[in-house]
Amino acid sequence: MSERTSLASEPCVIAFVGLGVMGYPMAGHLKAAGHDVAVYNRTASKASQWVTEHQGRSGQTPAEAATGAELVMLCVGNDDDVRAVVYGEQGVLAQMQPGSVLIDHTTASADLARELAAACAAKGIGFLDAPVSGGQAGAQNGALTIMLGGDAADFQRAEPVLRHYAKSARLLGPAGSGQLAKMVNQICIAGVVQGLAEALHFAKCADLDAKAVLEVISKGAAQSWQMENRGATMVDGQFDFGFAVDWMRKDLSITLNEARRNGAQLPVTALVDQFYAEVQALGGNRQDTSSLIRRLKTPTR
């Protein structure tokens, strides 16, 4: 395969590397849409479970999964995890052919995106950095938002396939632009969740019915996705909804490092990152990001 034609109208061969809480359902949407999907996961039992559930294929290595693939999707943990599945004899680049496209859904650094774009270009392979937002529920419901960086022709090829698990996918500029946009996303989330945590804490201290207050203010200017989806569960002390504090701190570390380089001033983001460190110290590493409220104690009277 050497021509970069549209993949909108016919099934294609796809490899999906990384079957975590996001990747597992994303790969499932591709198989349900009729594509020939091969998967790889570091924990082989997870790949076997996916194959049984979706009647797909698996590879023993990333390279094996990527053999013959027109599109190769990655959704792993961090920069080092991406490099581990891309490079070397067992990495996907060892088997990807000119004209194919590598799409990285991992939330990683913009530097890594530019590095991968160059490595792919040297082999005649397209590259898109494509971090996602929408959490586990968005992945399961096929309603993710994808922020992309890369070449317009590669995006045009990939977009019809990405739509199987995305409600929105937009190219924002050259390689690295998707990762930079995801940093913007995480800055917004950090501030909104901290504000919501403080608001609910205040409501409790004022002896208000916090859930009743949420019902009222969610109809006005204070409304947000976090309020609609996490407000009531924050009141109830429930924090098992997917995106973990450990991962948020990873994302904020990438963001703050980028800000130090580009000169952006992020005082609130830096402060909220330290608040998340306090949640980790309370044992909340795997709790979701709304657990920020845990560090705010209602005074006894």
Protein backbone atom coordinates (compact mmCIF):
# COMPACT_ATOMS: atom_id res chain seq x y z
CA MET A 1 0.00 0.00 0.00
CA SER A 2 1.62 3.24 -1.12
CA GLU A 3 -1.21 5.64 -1.94
CA ARG A 4 -2.74 7.72 0.85
CA THR A 5 -6.37 7.45 -0.17
CA SER A 6 -9.47 7.98 1.94
CA LEU A 7 -10.49 5.18 4.27
CA ALA A 8 -14.07 6.40 4.53
CA SER A 9 -15.86 3.93 2.31
CA GLU A 10 -14.28 0.54 2.94
CA PRO A 11 -12.89 -1.52 5.81
CA CYS A 12 -9.16 -1.32 6.37
CA VAL A 13 -6.49 -3.15 8.31
CA ILE A 14 -5.81 -1.49 11.67
CA ALA A 15 -3.48 -2.23 14.57
CA PHE A 16 -4.35 -0.94 18.04
CA VAL A 17 -1.59 -0.97 20.67
CA GLY A 18 -2.62 -0.44 24.29
CA LEU A 19 -5.84 -1.84 25.75
CA GLY A 20 -6.32 0.16 28.92
CA VAL A 21 -9.59 1.70 30.06
CA MET A 22 -9.53 3.91 26.96
CA GLY A 23 -7.92 1.73 24.30
CA TYR A 24 -9.98 -1.39 24.97
CA PRO A 25 -13.35 0.14 23.98
CA MET A 26 -11.79 2.32 21.25
CA ALA A 27 -10.42 -0.76 19.51
CA GLY A 28 -13.80 -2.44 20.00
CA HIS A 29 -15.56 0.37 18.12
CA LEU A 30 -13.20 -0.13 15.18
CA LYS A 31 -13.93 -3.85 15.03
CA ALA A 32 -17.67 -3.27 15.36
CA ALA A 33 -17.45 -0.90 12.39
CA GLY A 34 -16.16 -3.75 10.23
CA HIS A 35 -12.43 -3.07 10.17
CA ASP A 36 -9.82 -5.84 10.39
CA VAL A 37 -8.30 -5.06 13.79
CA ALA A 38 -5.21 -6.60 15.38
CA VAL A 39 -4.36 -5.60 18.94
CA TYR A 40 -1.34 -5.71 21.20
CA ASN A 41 -1.24 -5.18 24.95
CA ARG A 42 1.69 -5.48 27.34
CA THR A 43 -0.46 -7.73 29.55
CA ALA A 44 -1.27 -10.51 27.10
CA SER A 45 -4.36 -11.70 29.00
CA LYS A 46 -6.06 -8.37 28.27
CA ALA A 47 -5.42 -8.83 24.56
CA SER A 48 -6.82 -12.37 24.74
CA GLN A 49 -9.93 -11.08 26.50
CA TRP A 50 -10.41 -8.44 23.78
CA VAL A 51 -9.98 -11.01 20.99
CA THR A 52 -12.57 -13.28 22.61
CA GLU A 53 -15.03 -10.44 23.10
CA HIS A 54 -14.64 -8.79 19.70
CA GLN A 55 -13.53 -11.69 17.44
CA GLY A 56 -10.42 -9.80 16.40
CA ARG A 57 -6.74 -10.69 16.20
CA SER A 58 -3.75 -10.10 18.45
CA GLY A 59 -0.01 -9.91 17.98
CA GLN A 60 2.68 -11.19 20.30
CA THR A 61 4.61 -7.95 19.77
CA PRO A 62 3.67 -4.44 18.61
CA ALA A 63 5.46 -5.18 15.34
CA GLU A 64 3.43 -8.33 14.75
CA ALA A 65 0.17 -6.50 15.39
CA ALA A 66 1.22 -3.74 12.96
CA THR A 67 2.09 -6.08 10.11
CA GLY A 68 0.07 -5.10 7.05
CA ALA A 69 -1.76 -2.31 8.89
CA GLU A 70 -2.85 0.82 7.06
CA LEU A 71 -3.41 2.65 10.34
CA VAL A 72 -1.64 1.95 13.64
CA MET A 73 -3.17 3.48 16.78
CA LEU A 74 -1.34 3.80 20.10
CA CYS A 75 -2.93 4.46 23.48
CA VAL A 76 -0.39 3.81 26.22
CA GLY A 77 0.85 5.56 29.35
CA ASN A 78 3.62 8.11 28.74
CA ASP A 79 6.53 9.10 26.50
CA ASP A 80 8.67 6.13 27.50
CA ASP A 81 5.80 3.70 26.93
CA VAL A 82 5.26 5.14 23.45
CA ARG A 83 8.93 4.77 22.54
CA ALA A 84 8.89 1.18 23.82
CA VAL A 85 6.13 0.16 21.38
CA VAL A 86 7.33 2.23 18.41
CA TYR A 87 11.08 1.65 18.15
CA GLY A 88 13.30 -1.43 17.89
CA GLU A 89 12.82 -4.81 16.25
CA GLN A 90 9.55 -5.38 18.10
CA GLY A 91 8.20 -1.85 17.66
CA VAL A 92 5.49 -0.94 15.18
CA LEU A 93 7.83 1.01 12.90
CA ALA A 94 9.70 -2.19 12.14
CA GLN A 95 6.69 -3.48 10.21
CA MET A 96 4.81 -0.38 9.07
CA GLN A 97 4.98 0.27 5.34
CA PRO A 98 5.28 3.53 3.39
CA GLY A 99 1.86 5.15 3.02
CA SER A 100 0.55 3.90 6.35
CA VAL A 101 -0.20 6.28 9.23
CA LEU A 102 0.80 6.10 12.89
CA ILE A 103 -1.72 7.75 15.23
CA ASP A 104 -0.73 8.31 18.85
CA HIS A 105 -3.67 8.75 21.23
CA THR A 106 -1.40 8.82 24.27
CA THR A 107 -1.28 12.05 26.23
CA ALA A 108 2.44 12.75 25.88
CA SER A 109 4.86 15.59 25.25
CA ALA A 110 4.86 17.76 22.15
CA ASP A 111 8.58 16.98 21.80
CA LEU A 112 7.78 13.29 21.47
CA ALA A 113 5.19 14.04 18.81
CA ARG A 114 7.74 15.95 16.75
CA GLU A 115 10.29 13.17 17.25
CA LEU A 116 7.85 10.53 16.04
CA ALA A 117 6.79 12.65 13.08
CA ALA A 118 10.42 12.85 11.95
CA ALA A 119 11.01 9.13 12.47
CA CYS A 120 7.89 8.29 10.48
CA ALA A 121 8.69 10.75 7.69
CA ALA A 122 12.07 9.09 7.21
CA LYS A 123 10.20 5.89 6.28
CA GLY A 124 7.45 7.50 4.21
CA ILE A 125 4.91 6.94 6.99
CA GLY A 126 2.38 9.55 8.12
CA PHE A 127 2.04 10.58 11.75
CA LEU A 128 -0.70 12.22 13.81
CA ASP A 129 -0.49 13.09 17.51
CA ALA A 130 -4.06 12.63 18.64
CA PRO A 131 -4.65 12.84 22.41
CA VAL A 132 -8.25 12.43 23.49
CA SER A 133 -10.62 13.92 26.03
CA GLY A 134 -13.84 12.47 27.37
CA GLY A 135 -12.64 9.83 29.78
CA GLN A 136 -13.60 6.20 30.06
CA ALA A 137 -17.27 6.93 29.44
CA GLY A 138 -16.41 8.84 26.28
CA ALA A 139 -14.36 5.92 25.00
CA GLN A 140 -17.10 3.41 25.80
CA ASN A 141 -19.80 5.54 24.19
CA GLY A 142 -17.76 6.48 21.12
CA ALA A 143 -18.01 10.14 22.09
CA LEU A 144 -14.40 11.26 22.54
CA THR A 145 -12.94 14.59 21.51
CA ILE A 146 -9.67 14.24 19.58
CA MET A 147 -7.13 17.05 19.23
CA LEU A 148 -4.71 16.40 16.38
CA GLY A 149 -1.39 17.58 15.05
CA GLY A 150 0.17 16.53 11.77
CA ASP A 151 -0.23 16.68 8.01
CA ALA A 152 -3.63 17.52 6.52
CA ALA A 153 -3.51 14.64 4.05
CA ASP A 154 -2.91 12.12 6.83
CA PHE A 155 -5.73 13.62 8.85
CA GLN A 156 -8.12 13.38 5.91
CA ARG A 157 -7.28 9.70 5.54
CA ALA A 158 -7.69 8.93 9.21
CA GLU A 159 -10.67 11.09 10.16
CA PRO A 160 -13.42 8.73 8.92
CA VAL A 161 -11.93 5.94 11.04
CA LEU A 162 -11.46 8.15 14.09
CA ARG A 163 -15.15 9.05 13.91
CA HIS A 164 -16.00 5.51 15.04
CA TYR A 165 -15.08 6.55 18.58
CA ALA A 166 -15.09 10.35 18.42
CA LYS A 167 -17.83 12.96 18.39
CA SER A 168 -15.25 15.57 17.40
CA ALA A 169 -11.84 15.33 15.72
CA ARG A 170 -9.99 18.44 14.57
CA LEU A 171 -6.57 19.07 13.10
CA LEU A 172 -5.01 22.03 14.91
CA GLY A 173 -1.62 22.39 13.24
CA PRO A 174 1.66 20.55 12.63
CA ALA A 175 2.97 17.65 14.71
CA GLY A 176 2.80 18.48 18.41
CA SER A 177 -0.28 20.68 18.10
CA GLY A 178 -2.60 17.96 19.37
CA GLN A 179 -0.50 17.45 22.50
CA LEU A 180 -0.32 21.20 23.12
CA ALA A 181 -4.11 21.44 22.80
CA LYS A 182 -4.49 18.59 25.30
CA MET A 183 -2.37 20.62 27.73
CA VAL A 184 -4.83 23.49 27.31
CA ASN A 185 -7.62 21.00 28.06
CA GLN A 186 -5.95 19.81 31.26
CA ILE A 187 -5.30 23.38 32.44
CA CYS A 188 -9.03 24.05 32.12
CA ILE A 189 -10.02 20.87 33.93
CA ALA A 190 -7.62 21.49 36.82
CA GLY A 191 -9.06 24.92 37.48
CA VAL A 192 -12.70 23.87 37.09
CA VAL A 193 -12.41 20.85 39.40
CA GLN A 194 -10.66 22.89 42.09
CA GLY A 195 -13.33 25.58 41.84
CA LEU A 196 -16.09 22.98 42.08
CA ALA A 197 -14.40 21.34 45.08
CA GLU A 198 -14.16 24.68 46.89
CA ALA A 199 -17.77 25.56 46.03
CA LEU A 200 -19.14 22.30 47.41
CA HIS A 201 -16.93 22.61 50.48
CA PHE A 202 -18.33 26.11 51.05
CA ALA A 203 -21.90 24.83 50.64
CA LYS A 204 -21.32 22.21 53.32
CA CYS A 205 -19.74 24.73 55.68
CA ALA A 206 -22.74 27.02 55.14
CA ASP A 207 -25.14 24.17 56.05
CA LEU A 208 -26.70 24.18 52.59
CA ASP A 209 -28.08 21.14 50.81
CA ALA A 210 -25.18 20.85 48.38
CA LYS A 211 -27.07 18.69 45.88
CA ALA A 212 -30.00 21.11 45.83
CA VAL A 213 -27.58 23.96 45.23
CA LEU A 214 -26.02 22.01 42.35
CA GLU A 215 -29.44 21.53 40.75
CA VAL A 216 -29.98 25.28 40.80
CA ILE A 217 -26.60 26.61 39.75
CA SER A 218 -26.10 23.97 37.04
CA LYS A 219 -28.83 25.77 35.09
CA GLY A 220 -26.86 29.04 35.11
CA ALA A 221 -23.46 30.46 34.26
CA ALA A 222 -21.62 28.16 36.70
CA GLN A 223 -22.59 25.08 34.70
CA SER A 224 -19.78 22.78 33.52
CA TRP A 225 -19.26 19.17 32.46
CA GLN A 226 -17.54 18.54 35.78
CA MET A 227 -20.50 19.93 37.71
CA GLU A 228 -23.03 17.91 35.73
CA ASN A 229 -21.08 14.64 35.90
CA ARG A 230 -19.08 14.83 39.12
CA GLY A 231 -20.79 17.33 41.43
CA ALA A 232 -23.24 14.96 43.14
CA THR A 233 -20.67 12.17 43.45
CA MET A 234 -18.20 14.59 45.01
CA VAL A 235 -20.85 15.38 47.65
CA ASP A 236 -21.25 11.64 48.26
CA GLY A 237 -17.49 11.00 48.44
CA GLN A 238 -17.46 8.71 45.39
CA PHE A 239 -14.28 8.90 43.34
CA ASP A 240 -14.09 5.81 41.15
CA PHE A 241 -14.97 7.22 37.74
CA GLY A 242 -11.96 6.50 35.60
CA PHE A 243 -9.28 9.15 35.06
CA ALA A 244 -6.94 8.77 38.00
CA VAL A 245 -5.05 11.39 40.00
CA ASP A 246 -1.75 9.72 39.04
CA TRP A 247 -2.51 10.29 35.37
CA MET A 248 -3.61 13.87 35.94
CA ARG A 249 -0.34 14.62 37.69
CA LYS A 250 1.53 13.09 34.76
CA ASP A 251 -0.39 15.35 32.38
CA LEU A 252 0.12 18.44 34.52
CA SER A 253 3.85 17.72 34.75
CA ILE A 254 4.05 17.70 30.94
CA THR A 255 2.03 20.92 30.84
CA LEU A 256 4.12 22.75 33.42
CA ASN A 257 7.34 21.67 31.70
CA GLU A 258 6.04 23.05 28.41
CA ALA A 259 5.01 26.30 30.16
CA ARG A 260 8.51 26.75 31.55
CA ARG A 261 9.81 26.53 28.00
CA ASN A 262 7.25 28.73 26.24
CA GLY A 263 6.95 31.33 29.01
CA ALA A 264 3.28 30.73 29.86
CA GLN A 265 2.34 31.70 33.42
CA LEU A 266 0.26 28.97 35.08
CA PRO A 267 0.08 29.81 38.80
CA VAL A 268 -3.32 28.16 39.37
CA THR A 269 -2.36 25.03 37.46
CA ALA A 270 0.86 24.69 39.47
CA LEU A 271 -1.10 25.12 42.71
CA VAL A 272 -3.71 22.53 41.76
CA ASP A 273 -0.92 20.11 40.83
CA GLN A 274 0.35 20.41 44.40
CA PHE A 275 -3.18 19.87 45.70
CA TYR A 276 -3.27 16.63 43.72
CA ALA A 277 0.01 15.67 45.39
CA GLU A 278 -1.80 16.06 48.71
CA VAL A 279 -4.56 13.73 47.46
CA GLN A 280 -1.87 11.19 46.54
CA ALA A 281 -0.46 11.49 50.06
CA LEU A 282 -3.96 10.64 51.33
CA GLY A 283 -3.85 7.42 49.29
CA GLY A 284 -5.92 8.73 46.40
CA ASN A 285 -3.54 7.84 43.57
CA ARG A 286 -6.10 5.79 41.67
CA GLN A 287 -9.14 7.87 42.57
CA ASP A 288 -10.50 10.11 39.85
CA THR A 289 -9.67 13.79 39.56
CA SER A 290 -12.79 14.96 41.41
CA SER A 291 -11.18 13.64 44.61
CA LEU A 292 -9.60 17.08 45.03
CA ILE A 293 -12.43 17.78 47.46
CA ARG A 294 -10.98 15.22 49.89
CA ARG A 295 -8.33 17.66 51.08
CA LEU A 296 -10.96 20.23 52.16
CA LYS A 297 -12.27 19.35 55.61
CA THR A 298 -15.64 20.58 56.86
CA PRO A 299 -15.13 22.04 60.35
CA THR A 300 -16.87 20.38 63.26
CA ARG A 301 -19.27 22.49 65.27
